[in-house]
Amino acid sequence: PKRANNIRKLFNLTKEDDVRKYVIARTFTNKKGVTVRKSPKIQRLVTPLTLQRKRARKAEKMSSVLRSKDEAAAYKKVVAQRMAEAREV
């Protein structure tokens, strides 16, 4: 299997176990006579980089929400001020 969760299911691994050690690979000797181990690239493998990107996306989303709240509050304040000025005149 190529997918991380399918490898976990096949070998009854937990989330803490390293899936990369259990990948089914083939060993062969190339034309130069060197023994090589080839294995498929594991898909859906959670790495520190993917977690970092997830955190960055979440932080960007939160900053966007907070910024839009601040801008909306400032806009409301300006609108209220203009309405007050319009009532005076």
PDB file of N, CA and C in Angstrom:
ATOM      1  N   PRO A   1       0.817  -1.198   0.000  1.00  0.00           N
ATOM      2  CA  PRO A   1       0.000   0.000   0.000  1.00  0.00           C
ATOM      3  C   PRO A   1       0.857   1.256   0.000  1.00  0.00           C
ATOM      4  N   LYS A   2       0.287   2.306  -0.520  1.00  0.00           N
ATOM      5  CA  LYS A   2       1.016   3.562  -0.635  1.00  0.00           C
ATOM      6  C   LYS A   2       0.538   4.585   0.383  1.00  0.00           C
ATOM      7  N   ARG A   3      -0.713   4.481   0.794  1.00  0.00           N
ATOM      8  CA  ARG A   3      -1.281   5.445   1.725  1.00  0.00           C
ATOM      9  C   ARG A   3      -0.900   5.086   3.160  1.00  0.00           C
ATOM     10  N   ALA A   4      -0.578   6.112   3.950  1.00  0.00           N
ATOM     11  CA  ALA A   4      -0.068   5.908   5.314  1.00  0.00           C
ATOM     12  C   ALA A   4      -1.056   5.125   6.174  1.00  0.00           C
ATOM     13  N   ASN A   5      -2.334   5.462   6.103  1.00  0.00           N
ATOM     14  CA  ASN A   5      -3.312   4.772   6.955  1.00  0.00           C
ATOM     15  C   ASN A   5      -3.500   3.320   6.536  1.00  0.00           C
ATOM     16  N   ASN A   6      -3.369   3.029   5.250  1.00  0.00           N
ATOM     17  CA  ASN A   6      -3.486   1.640   4.803  1.00  0.00           C
ATOM     18  C   ASN A   6      -2.297   0.806   5.271  1.00  0.00           C
ATOM     19  N   ILE A   7      -1.120   1.411   5.314  1.00  0.00           N
ATOM     20  CA  ILE A   7       0.057   0.715   5.842  1.00  0.00           C
ATOM     21  C   ILE A   7      -0.138   0.452   7.331  1.00  0.00           C
ATOM     22  N   ARG A   8      -0.684   1.445   8.053  1.00  0.00           N
ATOM     23  CA  ARG A   8      -0.964   1.268   9.481  1.00  0.00           C
ATOM     24  C   ARG A   8      -1.939   0.121   9.711  1.00  0.00           C
ATOM     25  N   LYS A   9      -2.965   0.055   8.869  1.00  0.00           N
ATOM     26  CA  LYS A   9      -3.975  -0.997   9.007  1.00  0.00           C
ATOM     27  C   LYS A   9      -3.371  -2.369   8.715  1.00  0.00           C
ATOM     28  N   LEU A  10      -2.518  -2.450   7.712  1.00  0.00           N
ATOM     29  CA  LEU A  10      -1.928  -3.717   7.316  1.00  0.00           C
ATOM     30  C   LEU A  10      -1.035  -4.307   8.408  1.00  0.00           C
ATOM     31  N   PHE A  11      -0.255  -3.442   9.061  1.00  0.00           N
ATOM     32  CA  PHE A  11       0.698  -3.916  10.071  1.00  0.00           C
ATOM     33  C   PHE A  11       0.216  -3.684  11.503  1.00  0.00           C
ATOM     34  N   ASN A  12      -1.041  -3.286  11.687  1.00  0.00           N
ATOM     35  CA  ASN A  12      -1.613  -3.004  13.010  1.00  0.00           C
ATOM     36  C   ASN A  12      -0.748  -2.028  13.806  1.00  0.00           C
ATOM     37  N   LEU A  13      -0.450  -0.885  13.192  1.00  0.00           N
ATOM     38  CA  LEU A  13       0.393   0.122  13.836  1.00  0.00           C
ATOM     39  C   LEU A  13      -0.466   1.165  14.520  1.00  0.00           C
ATOM     40  N   THR A  14       0.123   1.845  15.492  1.00  0.00           N
ATOM     41  CA  THR A  14      -0.553   2.978  16.127  1.00  0.00           C
ATOM     42  C   THR A  14      -0.121   4.251  15.411  1.00  0.00           C
ATOM     43  N   LYS A  15      -0.703   5.382  15.825  1.00  0.00           N
ATOM     44  CA  LYS A  15      -0.331   6.646  15.200  1.00  0.00           C
ATOM     45  C   LYS A  15       1.100   7.046  15.544  1.00  0.00           C
ATOM     46  N   GLU A  16       1.597   6.546  16.686  1.00  0.00           N
ATOM     47  CA  GLU A  16       2.939   6.921  17.125  1.00  0.00           C
ATOM     48  C   GLU A  16       4.029   6.162  16.353  1.00  0.00           C
ATOM     49  N   ASP A  17       3.697   4.976  15.785  1.00  0.00           N
ATOM     50  CA  ASP A  17       4.691   4.188  15.060  1.00  0.00           C
ATOM     51  C   ASP A  17       5.094   4.894  13.761  1.00  0.00           C
ATOM     52  N   ASP A  18       6.354   4.689  13.379  1.00  0.00           N
ATOM     53  CA  ASP A  18       6.862   5.300  12.150  1.00  0.00           C
ATOM     54  C   ASP A  18       6.485   4.428  10.952  1.00  0.00           C
ATOM     55  N   VAL A  19       5.627   4.970  10.090  1.00  0.00           N
ATOM     56  CA  VAL A  19       5.111   4.224   8.938  1.00  0.00           C
ATOM     57  C   VAL A  19       6.216   3.961   7.922  1.00  0.00           C
ATOM     58  N   ARG A  20       7.201   4.852   7.855  1.00  0.00           N
ATOM     59  CA  ARG A  20       8.243   4.739   6.831  1.00  0.00           C
ATOM     60  C   ARG A  20       9.073   3.466   6.978  1.00  0.00           C
ATOM     61  N   LYS A  21       9.127   2.925   8.193  1.00  0.00           N
ATOM     62  CA  LYS A  21       9.894   1.694   8.405  1.00  0.00           C
ATOM     63  C   LYS A  21       9.171   0.467   7.853  1.00  0.00           C
ATOM     64  N   TYR A  22       7.853   0.566   7.649  1.00  0.00           N
ATOM     65  CA  TYR A  22       7.048  -0.588   7.263  1.00  0.00           C
ATOM     66  C   TYR A  22       6.637  -0.572   5.795  1.00  0.00           C
ATOM     67  N   VAL A  23       7.158   0.359   5.020  1.00  0.00           N
ATOM     68  CA  VAL A  23       6.807   0.435   3.603  1.00  0.00           C
ATOM     69  C   VAL A  23       7.356  -0.790   2.882  1.00  0.00           C
ATOM     70  N   ILE A  24       6.530  -1.358   2.028  1.00  0.00           N
ATOM     71  CA  ILE A  24       6.964  -2.526   1.258  1.00  0.00           C
ATOM     72  C   ILE A  24       7.831  -2.015   0.113  1.00  0.00           C
ATOM     73  N   ALA A  25       9.095  -2.432   0.119  1.00  0.00           N
ATOM     74  CA  ALA A  25      10.049  -1.966  -0.881  1.00  0.00           C
ATOM     75  C   ALA A  25      10.698  -3.171  -1.548  1.00  0.00           C
ATOM     76  N   ARG A  26      11.316  -2.925  -2.684  1.00  0.00           N
ATOM     77  CA  ARG A  26      12.021  -4.011  -3.364  1.00  0.00           C
ATOM     78  C   ARG A  26      13.495  -3.636  -3.465  1.00  0.00           C
ATOM     79  N   THR A  27      14.352  -4.636  -3.288  1.00  0.00           N
ATOM     80  CA  THR A  27      15.787  -4.406  -3.425  1.00  0.00           C
ATOM     81  C   THR A  27      16.260  -5.095  -4.699  1.00  0.00           C
ATOM     82  N   PHE A  28      17.169  -4.423  -5.409  1.00  0.00           N
ATOM     83  CA  PHE A  28      17.711  -4.971  -6.639  1.00  0.00           C
ATOM     84  C   PHE A  28      19.097  -4.387  -6.847  1.00  0.00           C
ATOM     85  N   THR A  29      19.829  -4.982  -7.746  1.00  0.00           N
ATOM     86  CA  THR A  29      21.144  -4.438  -8.093  1.00  0.00           C
ATOM     87  C   THR A  29      21.025  -3.715  -9.417  1.00  0.00           C
ATOM     88  N   ASN A  30      21.526  -2.492  -9.443  1.00  0.00           N
ATOM     89  CA  ASN A  30      21.439  -1.713 -10.678  1.00  0.00           C
ATOM     90  C   ASN A  30      22.567  -2.099 -11.629  1.00  0.00           C
ATOM     91  N   LYS A  31      22.666  -1.385 -12.732  1.00  0.00           N
ATOM     92  CA  LYS A  31      23.650  -1.731 -13.763  1.00  0.00           C
ATOM     93  C   LYS A  31      25.085  -1.608 -13.266  1.00  0.00           C
ATOM     94  N   LYS A  32      25.292  -0.728 -12.275  1.00  0.00           N
ATOM     95  CA  LYS A  32      26.634  -0.542 -11.732  1.00  0.00           C
ATOM     96  C   LYS A  32      26.981  -1.619 -10.698  1.00  0.00           C
ATOM     97  N   GLY A  33      26.012  -2.444 -10.350  1.00  0.00           N
ATOM     98  CA  GLY A  33      26.257  -3.511  -9.401  1.00  0.00           C
ATOM     99  C   GLY A  33      26.016  -3.109  -7.957  1.00  0.00           C
ATOM    100  N   VAL A  34      25.368  -1.952  -7.745  1.00  0.00           N
ATOM    101  CA  VAL A  34      25.080  -1.478  -6.398  1.00  0.00           C
ATOM    102  C   VAL A  34      23.685  -1.940  -5.997  1.00  0.00           C
ATOM    103  N   THR A  35      23.538  -2.433  -4.774  1.00  0.00           N
ATOM    104  CA  THR A  35      22.227  -2.856  -4.289  1.00  0.00           C
ATOM    105  C   THR A  35      21.412  -1.623  -3.912  1.00  0.00           C
ATOM    106  N   VAL A  36      20.224  -1.517  -4.498  1.00  0.00           N
ATOM    107  CA  VAL A  36      19.360  -0.354  -4.297  1.00  0.00           C
ATOM    108  C   VAL A  36      18.030  -0.825  -3.727  1.00  0.00           C
ATOM    109  N   ARG A  37      17.458  -0.014  -2.841  1.00  0.00           N
ATOM    110  CA  ARG A  37      16.143  -0.302  -2.260  1.00  0.00           C
ATOM    111  C   ARG A  37      15.168   0.750  -2.772  1.00  0.00           C
ATOM    112  N   LYS A  38      14.164   0.320  -3.500  1.00  0.00           N
ATOM    113  CA  LYS A  38      13.166   1.248  -4.045  1.00  0.00           C
ATOM    114  C   LYS A  38      11.852   1.056  -3.325  1.00  0.00           C
ATOM    115  N   SER A  39      11.251   2.184  -2.916  1.00  0.00           N
ATOM    116  CA  SER A  39       9.955   2.115  -2.250  1.00  0.00           C
ATOM    117  C   SER A  39       9.075   3.247  -2.755  1.00  0.00           C
ATOM    118  N   PRO A  40       7.754   3.069  -2.726  1.00  0.00           N
ATOM    119  CA  PRO A  40       6.862   4.136  -3.181  1.00  0.00           C
ATOM    120  C   PRO A  40       6.850   5.298  -2.203  1.00  0.00           C
ATOM    121  N   LYS A  41       6.497   6.467  -2.714  1.00  0.00           N
ATOM    122  CA  LYS A  41       6.370   7.644  -1.864  1.00  0.00           C
ATOM    123  C   LYS A  41       5.081   7.504  -1.058  1.00  0.00           C
ATOM    124  N   ILE A  42       5.178   7.662   0.239  1.00  0.00           N
ATOM    125  CA  ILE A  42       4.009   7.482   1.100  1.00  0.00           C
ATOM    126  C   ILE A  42       3.128   8.720   0.996  1.00  0.00           C
ATOM    127  N   GLN A  43       1.860   8.495   0.690  1.00  0.00           N
ATOM    128  CA  GLN A  43       0.898   9.590   0.597  1.00  0.00           C
ATOM    129  C   GLN A  43       0.200   9.787   1.940  1.00  0.00           C
ATOM    130  N   ARG A  44      -0.262  10.998   2.192  1.00  0.00           N
ATOM    131  CA  ARG A  44      -0.979  11.369   3.422  1.00  0.00           C
ATOM    132  C   ARG A  44      -0.143  11.100   4.668  1.00  0.00           C
ATOM    133  N   LEU A  45       1.147  11.333   4.569  1.00  0.00           N
ATOM    134  CA  LEU A  45       2.046  11.166   5.700  1.00  0.00           C
ATOM    135  C   LEU A  45       2.127  12.495   6.433  1.00  0.00           C
ATOM    136  N   VAL A  46       1.779  12.507   7.703  1.00  0.00           N
ATOM    137  CA  VAL A  46       1.784  13.738   8.478  1.00  0.00           C
ATOM    138  C   VAL A  46       3.210  14.006   8.941  1.00  0.00           C
ATOM    139  N   THR A  47       3.786  15.086   8.426  1.00  0.00           N
ATOM    140  CA  THR A  47       5.154  15.462   8.761  1.00  0.00           C
ATOM    141  C   THR A  47       5.129  16.781   9.532  1.00  0.00           C
ATOM    142  N   PRO A  48       6.220  17.147  10.183  1.00  0.00           N
ATOM    143  CA  PRO A  48       6.263  18.448  10.866  1.00  0.00           C
ATOM    144  C   PRO A  48       5.991  19.613   9.929  1.00  0.00           C
ATOM    145  N   LEU A  49       6.386  19.471   8.655  1.00  0.00           N
ATOM    146  CA  LEU A  49       6.151  20.551   7.699  1.00  0.00           C
ATOM    147  C   LEU A  49       4.662  20.728   7.403  1.00  0.00           C
ATOM    148  N   THR A  50       3.931  19.613   7.273  1.00  0.00           N
ATOM    149  CA  THR A  50       2.497  19.733   7.013  1.00  0.00           C
ATOM    150  C   THR A  50       1.781  20.356   8.210  1.00  0.00           C
ATOM    151  N   LEU A  51       2.217  19.993   9.432  1.00  0.00           N
ATOM    152  CA  LEU A  51       1.618  20.586  10.625  1.00  0.00           C
ATOM    153  C   LEU A  51       1.931  22.080  10.703  1.00  0.00           C
ATOM    154  N   GLN A  52       3.145  22.462  10.302  1.00  0.00           N
ATOM    155  CA  GLN A  52       3.535  23.871  10.300  1.00  0.00           C
ATOM    156  C   GLN A  52       2.670  24.655   9.327  1.00  0.00           C
ATOM    157  N   ARG A  53       2.442  24.088   8.145  1.00  0.00           N
ATOM    158  CA  ARG A  53       1.599  24.769   7.152  1.00  0.00           C
ATOM    159  C   ARG A  53       0.168  24.896   7.642  1.00  0.00           C
ATOM    160  N   LYS A  54      -0.322  23.850   8.317  1.00  0.00           N
ATOM    161  CA  LYS A  54      -1.677  23.883   8.864  1.00  0.00           C
ATOM    162  C   LYS A  54      -1.809  25.000   9.907  1.00  0.00           C
ATOM    163  N   ARG A  55      -0.797  25.099  10.786  1.00  0.00           N
ATOM    164  CA  ARG A  55      -0.804  26.166  11.792  1.00  0.00           C
ATOM    165  C   ARG A  55      -0.784  27.538  11.133  1.00  0.00           C
ATOM    166  N   ALA A  56       0.018  27.684  10.083  1.00  0.00           N
ATOM    167  CA  ALA A  56       0.125  28.969   9.383  1.00  0.00           C
ATOM    168  C   ALA A  56      -1.210  29.350   8.742  1.00  0.00           C
ATOM    169  N   ARG A  57      -1.876  28.360   8.103  1.00  0.00           N
ATOM    170  CA  ARG A  57      -3.192  28.631   7.499  1.00  0.00           C
ATOM    171  C   ARG A  57      -4.189  29.081   8.549  1.00  0.00           C
ATOM    172  N   LYS A  58      -4.190  28.381   9.689  1.00  0.00           N
ATOM    173  CA  LYS A  58      -5.129  28.710  10.759  1.00  0.00           C
ATOM    174  C   LYS A  58      -4.855  30.106  11.314  1.00  0.00           C
ATOM    175  N   ALA A  59      -3.572  30.436  11.510  1.00  0.00           N
ATOM    176  CA  ALA A  59      -3.204  31.745  12.041  1.00  0.00           C
ATOM    177  C   ALA A  59      -3.594  32.849  11.066  1.00  0.00           C
ATOM    178  N   GLU A  60      -3.406  32.599   9.765  1.00  0.00           N
ATOM    179  CA  GLU A  60      -3.770  33.593   8.758  1.00  0.00           C
ATOM    180  C   GLU A  60      -5.282  33.830   8.755  1.00  0.00           C
ATOM    181  N   LYS A  61      -6.034  32.740   8.871  1.00  0.00           N
ATOM    182  CA  LYS A  61      -7.489  32.852   8.903  1.00  0.00           C
ATOM    183  C   LYS A  61      -7.950  33.658  10.124  1.00  0.00           C
ATOM    184  N   MET A  62      -7.345  33.345  11.290  1.00  0.00           N
ATOM    185  CA  MET A  62      -7.721  34.049  12.518  1.00  0.00           C
ATOM    186  C   MET A  62      -7.366  35.528  12.442  1.00  0.00           C
ATOM    187  N   SER A  63      -6.184  35.847  11.903  1.00  0.00           N
ATOM    188  CA  SER A  63      -5.792  37.253  11.788  1.00  0.00           C
ATOM    189  C   SER A  63      -6.728  37.991  10.835  1.00  0.00           C
ATOM    190  N   SER A  64      -7.175  37.300   9.792  1.00  0.00           N
ATOM    191  CA  SER A  64      -8.108  37.908   8.850  1.00  0.00           C
ATOM    192  C   SER A  64      -9.439  38.214   9.531  1.00  0.00           C
ATOM    193  N   VAL A  65      -9.919  37.282  10.351  1.00  0.00           N
ATOM    194  CA  VAL A  65     -11.184  37.480  11.069  1.00  0.00           C
ATOM    195  C   VAL A  65     -11.070  38.660  12.023  1.00  0.00           C
ATOM    196  N   LEU A  66      -9.976  38.698  12.790  1.00  0.00           N
ATOM    197  CA  LEU A  66      -9.787  39.790  13.746  1.00  0.00           C
ATOM    198  C   LEU A  66      -9.665  41.134  13.036  1.00  0.00           C
ATOM    199  N   ARG A  67      -8.919  41.157  11.921  1.00  0.00           N
ATOM    200  CA  ARG A  67      -8.751  42.404  11.172  1.00  0.00           C
ATOM    201  C   ARG A  67     -10.091  42.889  10.633  1.00  0.00           C
ATOM    202  N   SER A  68     -10.910  41.976  10.103  1.00  0.00           N
ATOM    203  CA  SER A  68     -12.199  42.388   9.557  1.00  0.00           C
ATOM    204  C   SER A  68     -13.121  42.889  10.671  1.00  0.00           C
ATOM    205  N   LYS A  69     -13.032  42.291  11.872  1.00  0.00           N
ATOM    206  CA  LYS A  69     -13.831  42.782  13.001  1.00  0.00           C
ATOM    207  C   LYS A  69     -13.438  44.201  13.358  1.00  0.00           C
ATOM    208  N   ASP A  70     -12.122  44.455  13.422  1.00  0.00           N
ATOM    209  CA  ASP A  70     -11.646  45.801  13.746  1.00  0.00           C
ATOM    210  C   ASP A  70     -12.084  46.811  12.697  1.00  0.00           C
ATOM    211  N   GLU A  71     -11.964  46.436  11.429  1.00  0.00           N
ATOM    212  CA  GLU A  71     -12.360  47.336  10.347  1.00  0.00           C
ATOM    213  C   GLU A  71     -13.863  47.606  10.387  1.00  0.00           C
ATOM    214  N   ALA A  72     -14.662  46.581  10.695  1.00  0.00           N
ATOM    215  CA  ALA A  72     -16.108  46.757  10.780  1.00  0.00           C
ATOM    216  C   ALA A  72     -16.462  47.695  11.924  1.00  0.00           C
ATOM    217  N   ALA A  73     -15.764  47.547  13.064  1.00  0.00           N
ATOM    218  CA  ALA A  73     -16.027  48.427  14.210  1.00  0.00           C
ATOM    219  C   ALA A  73     -15.666  49.866  13.866  1.00  0.00           C
ATOM    220  N   ALA A  74     -14.537  50.058  13.191  1.00  0.00           N
ATOM    221  CA  ALA A  74     -14.126  51.408  12.804  1.00  0.00           C
ATOM    222  C   ALA A  74     -15.129  52.017  11.829  1.00  0.00           C
ATOM    223  N   TYR A  75     -15.620  51.203  10.899  1.00  0.00           N
ATOM    224  CA  TYR A  75     -16.601  51.679   9.925  1.00  0.00           C
ATOM    225  C   TYR A  75     -17.899  52.075  10.619  1.00  0.00           C
ATOM    226  N   LYS A  76     -18.342  51.245  11.568  1.00  0.00           N
ATOM    227  CA  LYS A  76     -19.562  51.564  12.309  1.00  0.00           C
ATOM    228  C   LYS A  76     -19.424  52.884  13.046  1.00  0.00           C
ATOM    229  N   LYS A  77     -18.246  53.107  13.617  1.00  0.00           N
ATOM    230  CA  LYS A  77     -17.991  54.340  14.359  1.00  0.00           C
ATOM    231  C   LYS A  77     -18.081  55.551  13.426  1.00  0.00           C
ATOM    232  N   VAL A  78     -17.476  55.438  12.243  1.00  0.00           N
ATOM    233  CA  VAL A  78     -17.498  56.534  11.278  1.00  0.00           C
ATOM    234  C   VAL A  78     -18.925  56.788  10.805  1.00  0.00           C
ATOM    235  N   VAL A  79     -19.676  55.709  10.539  1.00  0.00           N
ATOM    236  CA  VAL A  79     -21.065  55.855  10.077  1.00  0.00           C
ATOM    237  C   VAL A  79     -21.899  56.541  11.151  1.00  0.00           C
ATOM    238  N   ALA A  80     -21.721  56.137  12.406  1.00  0.00           N
ATOM    239  CA  ALA A  80     -22.474  56.757  13.498  1.00  0.00           C
ATOM    240  C   ALA A  80     -22.137  58.235  13.618  1.00  0.00           C
ATOM    241  N   GLN A  81     -20.862  58.556  13.443  1.00  0.00           N
ATOM    242  CA  GLN A  81     -20.435  59.961  13.521  1.00  0.00           C
ATOM    243  C   GLN A  81     -21.070  60.770  12.396  1.00  0.00           C
ATOM    244  N   ARG A  82     -21.086  60.229  11.202  1.00  0.00           N
ATOM    245  CA  ARG A  82     -21.683  60.942  10.060  1.00  0.00           C
ATOM    246  C   ARG A  82     -23.188  61.117  10.255  1.00  0.00           C
ATOM    247  N   MET A  83     -23.844  60.089  10.805  1.00  0.00           N
ATOM    248  CA  MET A  83     -25.279  60.190  11.060  1.00  0.00           C
ATOM    249  C   MET A  83     -25.563  61.285  12.091  1.00  0.00           C
ATOM    250  N   ALA A  84     -24.711  61.347  13.104  1.00  0.00           N
ATOM    251  CA  ALA A  84     -24.869  62.392  14.136  1.00  0.00           C
ATOM    252  C   ALA A  84     -24.690  63.766  13.526  1.00  0.00           C
ATOM    253  N   GLU A  85     -23.690  63.915  12.661  1.00  0.00           N
ATOM    254  CA  GLU A  85     -23.466  65.203  12.000  1.00  0.00           C
ATOM    255  C   GLU A  85     -24.671  65.554  11.114  1.00  0.00           C
ATOM    256  N   ALA A  86     -25.241  64.568  10.437  1.00  0.00           N
ATOM    257  CA  ALA A  86     -26.380  64.815   9.552  1.00  0.00           C
ATOM    258  C   ALA A  86     -27.598  65.255  10.371  1.00  0.00           C
ATOM    259  N   ARG A  87     -27.750  64.708  11.574  1.00  0.00           N
ATOM    260  CA  ARG A  87     -28.884  65.097  12.427  1.00  0.00           C
ATOM    261  C   ARG A  87     -28.735  66.530  12.924  1.00  0.00           C
ATOM    262  N   GLU A  88     -27.495  66.959  13.190  1.00  0.00           N
ATOM    263  CA  GLU A  88     -27.265  68.314  13.690  1.00  0.00           C
ATOM    264  C   GLU A  88     -27.624  69.356  12.662  1.00  0.00           C
ATOM    265  N   VAL A  89     -27.365  69.057  11.390  1.00  0.00           N
ATOM    266  CA  VAL A  89     -27.589  70.065  10.338  1.00  0.00           C
ATOM    267  C   VAL A  89     -29.009  70.058   9.857  1.00  0.00           C
TER     268      VAL A  89
END
